[in-house]
């Protein structure tokens, strides 16, 4: 794949591609883990919003970890 000028190794992204990746990871992490937190809160009988808040924080933290791992040079 060395002949392909469009092939980029990990860590080499255009600013537009990197911005899209960052927003995608953050949005997906917060939404998916927020939903899982809601499910866990319903299952465990937690007060309204506690499971969602914890899930969203875990999702954001996980997304930031993935962003740092993927985009680090």
PDB file of N, CA and C in Angstrom:
ATOM      1  N   UNK A   1       0.798  -1.192   0.000  1.00  0.00           N
ATOM      2  CA  UNK A   1       0.000   0.000   0.000  1.00  0.00           C
ATOM      3  C   UNK A   1       0.846   1.264   0.000  1.00  0.00           C
ATOM      4  N   UNK A   2       2.129   1.102  -0.144  1.00  0.00           N
ATOM      5  CA  UNK A   2       3.001   2.265  -0.156  1.00  0.00           C
ATOM      6  C   UNK A   2       2.779   3.107  -1.408  1.00  0.00           C
ATOM      7  N   UNK A   3       2.242   2.486  -2.480  1.00  0.00           N
ATOM      8  CA  UNK A   3       2.010   3.219  -3.712  1.00  0.00           C
ATOM      9  C   UNK A   3       0.746   4.065  -3.669  1.00  0.00           C
ATOM     10  N   UNK A   4      -0.131   3.819  -2.713  1.00  0.00           N
ATOM     11  CA  UNK A   4      -1.396   4.533  -2.625  1.00  0.00           C
ATOM     12  C   UNK A   4      -1.183   5.883  -1.947  1.00  0.00           C
ATOM     13  N   UNK A   5      -1.346   7.008  -2.683  1.00  0.00           N
ATOM     14  CA  UNK A   5      -1.123   8.321  -2.057  1.00  0.00           C
ATOM     15  C   UNK A   5      -2.213   8.698  -1.059  1.00  0.00           C
ATOM     16  N   UNK A   6      -3.360   8.003  -1.098  1.00  0.00           N
ATOM     17  CA  UNK A   6      -4.459   8.319  -0.194  1.00  0.00           C
ATOM     18  C   UNK A   6      -4.398   7.508   1.091  1.00  0.00           C
ATOM     19  N   UNK A   7      -3.512   6.530   1.149  1.00  0.00           N
ATOM     20  CA  UNK A   7      -3.390   5.703   2.357  1.00  0.00           C
ATOM     21  C   UNK A   7      -2.669   6.496   3.440  1.00  0.00           C
ATOM     22  N   UNK A   8      -3.259   6.523   4.614  1.00  0.00           N
ATOM     23  CA  UNK A   8      -2.655   7.241   5.735  1.00  0.00           C
ATOM     24  C   UNK A   8      -2.410   6.264   6.872  1.00  0.00           C
ATOM     25  N   UNK A   9      -1.273   6.374   7.477  1.00  0.00           N
ATOM     26  CA  UNK A   9      -0.988   5.521   8.617  1.00  0.00           C
ATOM     27  C   UNK A   9      -1.724   6.071   9.830  1.00  0.00           C
ATOM     28  N   UNK A  10      -1.901   5.269  10.887  1.00  0.00           N
ATOM     29  CA  UNK A  10      -2.594   5.760  12.088  1.00  0.00           C
ATOM     30  C   UNK A  10      -1.922   7.021  12.619  1.00  0.00           C
ATOM     31  N   UNK A  11      -2.721   7.966  12.985  1.00  0.00           N
ATOM     32  CA  UNK A  11      -2.194   9.216  13.513  1.00  0.00           C
ATOM     33  C   UNK A  11      -2.072  10.312  12.467  1.00  0.00           C
ATOM     34  N   UNK A  12      -2.250   9.968  11.177  1.00  0.00           N
ATOM     35  CA  UNK A  12      -2.173  10.960  10.108  1.00  0.00           C
ATOM     36  C   UNK A  12      -3.573  11.226   9.574  1.00  0.00           C
ATOM     37  N   UNK A  13      -4.189  12.286  10.019  1.00  0.00           N
ATOM     38  CA  UNK A  13      -5.543  12.632   9.598  1.00  0.00           C
ATOM     39  C   UNK A  13      -5.566  14.071   9.143  1.00  0.00           C
ATOM     40  N   UNK A  14      -6.457  14.365   8.203  1.00  0.00           N
ATOM     41  CA  UNK A  14      -6.674  15.755   7.850  1.00  0.00           C
ATOM     42  C   UNK A  14      -7.440  16.392   9.009  1.00  0.00           C
ATOM     43  N   UNK A  15      -7.410  17.696   9.097  1.00  0.00           N
ATOM     44  CA  UNK A  15      -8.111  18.354  10.205  1.00  0.00           C
ATOM     45  C   UNK A  15      -9.613  18.119  10.117  1.00  0.00           C
ATOM     46  N   UNK A  16     -10.148  18.047   8.891  1.00  0.00           N
ATOM     47  CA  UNK A  16     -11.576  17.789   8.720  1.00  0.00           C
ATOM     48  C   UNK A  16     -11.922  16.373   9.167  1.00  0.00           C
ATOM     49  N   UNK A  17     -11.099  15.398   8.804  1.00  0.00           N
ATOM     50  CA  UNK A  17     -11.328  14.013   9.206  1.00  0.00           C
ATOM     51  C   UNK A  17     -11.175  13.825  10.706  1.00  0.00           C
ATOM     52  N   UNK A  18     -10.216  14.506  11.292  1.00  0.00           N
ATOM     53  CA  UNK A  18     -10.002  14.399  12.731  1.00  0.00           C
ATOM     54  C   UNK A  18     -11.160  15.021  13.498  1.00  0.00           C
ATOM     55  N   UNK A  19     -11.662  16.139  13.019  1.00  0.00           N
ATOM     56  CA  UNK A  19     -12.789  16.790  13.695  1.00  0.00           C
ATOM     57  C   UNK A  19     -14.025  15.905  13.638  1.00  0.00           C
ATOM     58  N   UNK A  20     -14.256  15.283  12.502  1.00  0.00           N
ATOM     59  CA  UNK A  20     -15.389  14.381  12.362  1.00  0.00           C
ATOM     60  C   UNK A  20     -15.258  13.172  13.273  1.00  0.00           C
ATOM     61  N   UNK A  21     -14.040  12.642  13.387  1.00  0.00           N
ATOM     62  CA  UNK A  21     -13.805  11.497  14.258  1.00  0.00           C
ATOM     63  C   UNK A  21     -14.047  11.877  15.719  1.00  0.00           C
ATOM     64  N   UNK A  22     -13.555  13.027  16.125  1.00  0.00           N
ATOM     65  CA  UNK A  22     -13.735  13.482  17.509  1.00  0.00           C
ATOM     66  C   UNK A  22     -15.220  13.652  17.828  1.00  0.00           C
ATOM     67  N   UNK A  23     -15.945  14.347  16.959  1.00  0.00           N
ATOM     68  CA  UNK A  23     -17.375  14.552  17.199  1.00  0.00           C
ATOM     69  C   UNK A  23     -18.138  13.236  17.174  1.00  0.00           C
ATOM     70  N   UNK A  24     -17.775  12.354  16.269  1.00  0.00           N
ATOM     71  CA  UNK A  24     -18.436  11.056  16.185  1.00  0.00           C
ATOM     72  C   UNK A  24     -18.228  10.217  17.432  1.00  0.00           C
ATOM     73  N   UNK A  25     -16.988  10.146  17.895  1.00  0.00           N
ATOM     74  CA  UNK A  25     -16.701   9.381  19.116  1.00  0.00           C
ATOM     75  C   UNK A  25     -17.442   9.964  20.323  1.00  0.00           C
ATOM     76  N   UNK A  26     -17.400  11.285  20.468  1.00  0.00           N
ATOM     77  CA  UNK A  26     -18.062  11.906  21.620  1.00  0.00           C
ATOM     78  C   UNK A  26     -19.567  11.695  21.576  1.00  0.00           C
ATOM     79  N   UNK A  27     -20.176  11.948  20.428  1.00  0.00           N
ATOM     80  CA  UNK A  27     -21.621  11.802  20.314  1.00  0.00           C
ATOM     81  C   UNK A  27     -22.048  10.361  20.556  1.00  0.00           C
ATOM     82  N   UNK A  28     -21.373   9.434  19.892  1.00  0.00           N
ATOM     83  CA  UNK A  28     -21.737   8.021  20.031  1.00  0.00           C
ATOM     84  C   UNK A  28     -21.519   7.530  21.453  1.00  0.00           C
ATOM     85  N   UNK A  29     -20.408   7.910  22.063  1.00  0.00           N
ATOM     86  CA  UNK A  29     -20.132   7.467  23.430  1.00  0.00           C
ATOM     87  C   UNK A  29     -21.163   7.974  24.420  1.00  0.00           C
ATOM     88  N   UNK A  30     -21.510   9.240  24.312  1.00  0.00           N
ATOM     89  CA  UNK A  30     -22.469   9.827  25.247  1.00  0.00           C
ATOM     90  C   UNK A  30     -23.864   9.228  25.038  1.00  0.00           C
ATOM     91  N   UNK A  31     -24.285   9.089  23.781  1.00  0.00           N
ATOM     92  CA  UNK A  31     -25.626   8.567  23.514  1.00  0.00           C
ATOM     93  C   UNK A  31     -25.747   7.097  23.904  1.00  0.00           C
ATOM     94  N   UNK A  32     -24.799   6.283  23.458  1.00  0.00           N
ATOM     95  CA  UNK A  32     -24.879   4.842  23.728  1.00  0.00           C
ATOM     96  C   UNK A  32     -24.767   4.555  25.223  1.00  0.00           C
ATOM     97  N   UNK A  33     -23.780   5.154  25.870  1.00  0.00           N
ATOM     98  CA  UNK A  33     -23.609   4.884  27.301  1.00  0.00           C
ATOM     99  C   UNK A  33     -24.696   5.550  28.137  1.00  0.00           C
ATOM    100  N   UNK A  34     -25.237   6.660  27.665  1.00  0.00           N
ATOM    101  CA  UNK A  34     -26.386   7.256  28.345  1.00  0.00           C
ATOM    102  C   UNK A  34     -27.586   6.330  28.306  1.00  0.00           C
ATOM    103  N   UNK A  35     -27.812   5.695  27.149  1.00  0.00           N
ATOM    104  CA  UNK A  35     -28.906   4.734  27.027  1.00  0.00           C
ATOM    105  C   UNK A  35     -28.657   3.519  27.930  1.00  0.00           C
ATOM    106  N   UNK A  36     -27.427   3.019  27.937  1.00  0.00           N
ATOM    107  CA  UNK A  36     -27.114   1.881  28.815  1.00  0.00           C
ATOM    108  C   UNK A  36     -27.274   2.269  30.286  1.00  0.00           C
ATOM    109  N   UNK A  37     -26.918   3.503  30.623  1.00  0.00           N
ATOM    110  CA  UNK A  37     -27.122   3.988  31.986  1.00  0.00           C
ATOM    111  C   UNK A  37     -28.592   4.075  32.343  1.00  0.00           C
ATOM    112  N   UNK A  38     -29.409   4.502  31.389  1.00  0.00           N
ATOM    113  CA  UNK A  38     -30.856   4.538  31.612  1.00  0.00           C
ATOM    114  C   UNK A  38     -31.385   3.130  31.860  1.00  0.00           C
ATOM    115  N   UNK A  39     -30.951   2.163  31.041  1.00  0.00           N
ATOM    116  CA  UNK A  39     -31.376   0.775  31.236  1.00  0.00           C
ATOM    117  C   UNK A  39     -30.956   0.254  32.612  1.00  0.00           C
ATOM    118  N   UNK A  40     -29.709   0.533  32.982  1.00  0.00           N
ATOM    119  CA  UNK A  40     -29.222   0.085  34.283  1.00  0.00           C
ATOM    120  C   UNK A  40     -29.999   0.749  35.413  1.00  0.00           C
ATOM    121  N   UNK A  41     -30.303   2.036  35.268  1.00  0.00           N
ATOM    122  CA  UNK A  41     -31.075   2.741  36.283  1.00  0.00           C
ATOM    123  C   UNK A  41     -32.472   2.169  36.439  1.00  0.00           C
ATOM    124  N   UNK A  42     -33.105   1.835  35.323  1.00  0.00           N
ATOM    125  CA  UNK A  42     -34.428   1.218  35.386  1.00  0.00           C
ATOM    126  C   UNK A  42     -34.359  -0.163  36.038  1.00  0.00           C
ATOM    127  N   UNK A  43     -33.352  -0.924  35.680  1.00  0.00           N
ATOM    128  CA  UNK A  43     -33.199  -2.275  36.212  1.00  0.00           C
ATOM    129  C   UNK A  43     -32.906  -2.249  37.712  1.00  0.00           C
ATOM    130  N   UNK A  44     -32.074  -1.315  38.138  1.00  0.00           N
ATOM    131  CA  UNK A  44     -31.678  -1.228  39.545  1.00  0.00           C
ATOM    132  C   UNK A  44     -32.627  -0.384  40.384  1.00  0.00           C
ATOM    133  N   UNK A  45     -33.564   0.295  39.765  1.00  0.00           N
ATOM    134  CA  UNK A  45     -34.518   1.126  40.495  1.00  0.00           C
ATOM    135  C   UNK A  45     -33.918   2.406  41.040  1.00  0.00           C
ATOM    136  N   UNK A  46     -32.946   2.967  40.333  1.00  0.00           N
ATOM    137  CA  UNK A  46     -32.316   4.218  40.765  1.00  0.00           C
ATOM    138  C   UNK A  46     -33.249   5.391  40.495  1.00  0.00           C
ATOM    139  N   UNK A  47     -33.078   6.489  41.232  1.00  0.00           N
ATOM    140  CA  UNK A  47     -33.880   7.688  40.951  1.00  0.00           C
ATOM    141  C   UNK A  47     -33.664   8.165  39.506  1.00  0.00           C
ATOM    142  N   UNK A  48     -34.664   8.818  38.970  1.00  0.00           N
ATOM    143  CA  UNK A  48     -34.632   9.261  37.577  1.00  0.00           C
ATOM    144  C   UNK A  48     -33.399  10.114  37.289  1.00  0.00           C
ATOM    145  N   UNK A  49     -32.685   9.767  36.253  1.00  0.00           N
ATOM    146  CA  UNK A  49     -31.551  10.559  35.793  1.00  0.00           C
ATOM    147  C   UNK A  49     -30.203  10.138  36.326  1.00  0.00           C
ATOM    148  N   UNK A  50     -30.163   9.404  37.428  1.00  0.00           N
ATOM    149  CA  UNK A  50     -28.865   9.014  37.998  1.00  0.00           C
ATOM    150  C   UNK A  50     -28.126   8.082  37.044  1.00  0.00           C
ATOM    151  N   UNK A  51     -28.803   7.062  36.560  1.00  0.00           N
ATOM    152  CA  UNK A  51     -28.170   6.116  35.638  1.00  0.00           C
ATOM    153  C   UNK A  51     -27.763   6.783  34.342  1.00  0.00           C
ATOM    154  N   UNK A  52     -28.617   7.685  33.860  1.00  0.00           N
ATOM    155  CA  UNK A  52     -28.307   8.392  32.613  1.00  0.00           C
ATOM    156  C   UNK A  52     -27.067   9.266  32.796  1.00  0.00           C
ATOM    157  N   UNK A  53     -26.999   9.997  33.886  1.00  0.00           N
ATOM    158  CA  UNK A  53     -25.862  10.886  34.135  1.00  0.00           C
ATOM    159  C   UNK A  53     -24.564  10.097  34.262  1.00  0.00           C
ATOM    160  N   UNK A  54     -24.603   9.003  35.002  1.00  0.00           N
ATOM    161  CA  UNK A  54     -23.398   8.186  35.167  1.00  0.00           C
ATOM    162  C   UNK A  54     -22.994   7.573  33.832  1.00  0.00           C
ATOM    163  N   UNK A  55     -23.966   7.067  33.079  1.00  0.00           N
ATOM    164  CA  UNK A  55     -23.672   6.490  31.774  1.00  0.00           C
ATOM    165  C   UNK A  55     -23.079   7.504  30.809  1.00  0.00           C
ATOM    166  N   UNK A  56     -23.624   8.716  30.810  1.00  0.00           N
ATOM    167  CA  UNK A  56     -23.103   9.752  29.917  1.00  0.00           C
ATOM    168  C   UNK A  56     -21.687  10.158  30.293  1.00  0.00           C
ATOM    169  N   UNK A  57     -21.397  10.234  31.587  1.00  0.00           N
ATOM    170  CA  UNK A  57     -20.031  10.566  32.012  1.00  0.00           C
ATOM    171  C   UNK A  57     -19.050   9.462  31.633  1.00  0.00           C
ATOM    172  N   UNK A  58     -19.466   8.204  31.813  1.00  0.00           N
ATOM    173  CA  UNK A  58     -18.603   7.095  31.412  1.00  0.00           C
ATOM    174  C   UNK A  58     -18.399   7.090  29.899  1.00  0.00           C
ATOM    175  N   UNK A  59     -19.448   7.379  29.152  1.00  0.00           N
ATOM    176  CA  UNK A  59     -19.340   7.438  27.700  1.00  0.00           C
ATOM    177  C   UNK A  59     -18.406   8.534  27.232  1.00  0.00           C
ATOM    178  N   UNK A  60     -18.505   9.698  27.850  1.00  0.00           N
ATOM    179  CA  UNK A  60     -17.614  10.806  27.485  1.00  0.00           C
ATOM    180  C   UNK A  60     -16.169  10.472  27.831  1.00  0.00           C
ATOM    181  N   UNK A  61     -15.949   9.872  28.999  1.00  0.00           N
ATOM    182  CA  UNK A  61     -14.591   9.497  29.397  1.00  0.00           C
ATOM    183  C   UNK A  61     -14.020   8.444  28.450  1.00  0.00           C
ATOM    184  N   UNK A  62     -14.828   7.457  28.110  1.00  0.00           N
ATOM    185  CA  UNK A  62     -14.373   6.437  27.179  1.00  0.00           C
ATOM    186  C   UNK A  62     -14.086   7.005  25.799  1.00  0.00           C
ATOM    187  N   UNK A  63     -14.924   7.928  25.346  1.00  0.00           N
ATOM    188  CA  UNK A  63     -14.710   8.556  24.046  1.00  0.00           C
ATOM    189  C   UNK A  63     -13.426   9.374  24.035  1.00  0.00           C
ATOM    190  N   UNK A  64     -13.175  10.106  25.100  1.00  0.00           N
ATOM    191  CA  UNK A  64     -11.942  10.898  25.177  1.00  0.00           C
ATOM    192  C   UNK A  64     -10.723   9.981  25.172  1.00  0.00           C
ATOM    193  N   UNK A  65     -10.817   8.855  25.869  1.00  0.00           N
ATOM    194  CA  UNK A  65      -9.715   7.885  25.864  1.00  0.00           C
ATOM    195  C   UNK A  65      -9.467   7.376  24.449  1.00  0.00           C
ATOM    196  N   UNK A  66     -10.537   6.984  23.740  1.00  0.00           N
ATOM    197  CA  UNK A  66     -10.380   6.477  22.377  1.00  0.00           C
ATOM    198  C   UNK A  66      -9.835   7.543  21.434  1.00  0.00           C
ATOM    199  N   UNK A  67     -10.287   8.772  21.598  1.00  0.00           N
ATOM    200  CA  UNK A  67      -9.799   9.872  20.766  1.00  0.00           C
ATOM    201  C   UNK A  67      -8.312  10.069  20.987  1.00  0.00           C
ATOM    202  N   UNK A  68      -7.899  10.092  22.227  1.00  0.00           N
ATOM    203  CA  UNK A  68      -6.478  10.295  22.535  1.00  0.00           C
ATOM    204  C   UNK A  68      -5.634   9.133  22.005  1.00  0.00           C
ATOM    205  N   UNK A  69      -6.150   7.922  22.132  1.00  0.00           N
ATOM    206  CA  UNK A  69      -5.410   6.748  21.674  1.00  0.00           C
ATOM    207  C   UNK A  69      -5.314   6.723  20.155  1.00  0.00           C
ATOM    208  N   UNK A  70      -6.387   7.031  19.469  1.00  0.00           N
ATOM    209  CA  UNK A  70      -6.387   6.950  18.008  1.00  0.00           C
ATOM    210  C   UNK A  70      -5.676   8.098  17.332  1.00  0.00           C
ATOM    211  N   UNK A  71      -5.811   9.293  17.865  1.00  0.00           N
ATOM    212  CA  UNK A  71      -5.251  10.463  17.194  1.00  0.00           C
ATOM    213  C   UNK A  71      -3.872  10.870  17.702  1.00  0.00           C
ATOM    214  N   UNK A  72      -3.348  10.157  18.676  1.00  0.00           N
ATOM    215  CA  UNK A  72      -2.016  10.516  19.177  1.00  0.00           C
ATOM    216  C   UNK A  72      -0.966  10.139  18.133  1.00  0.00           C
ATOM    217  N   UNK A  73       0.011  10.977  18.017  1.00  0.00           N
ATOM    218  CA  UNK A  73       1.039  10.735  16.997  1.00  0.00           C
ATOM    219  C   UNK A  73       2.213   9.975  17.542  1.00  0.00           C
TER     220      UNK A  73
END
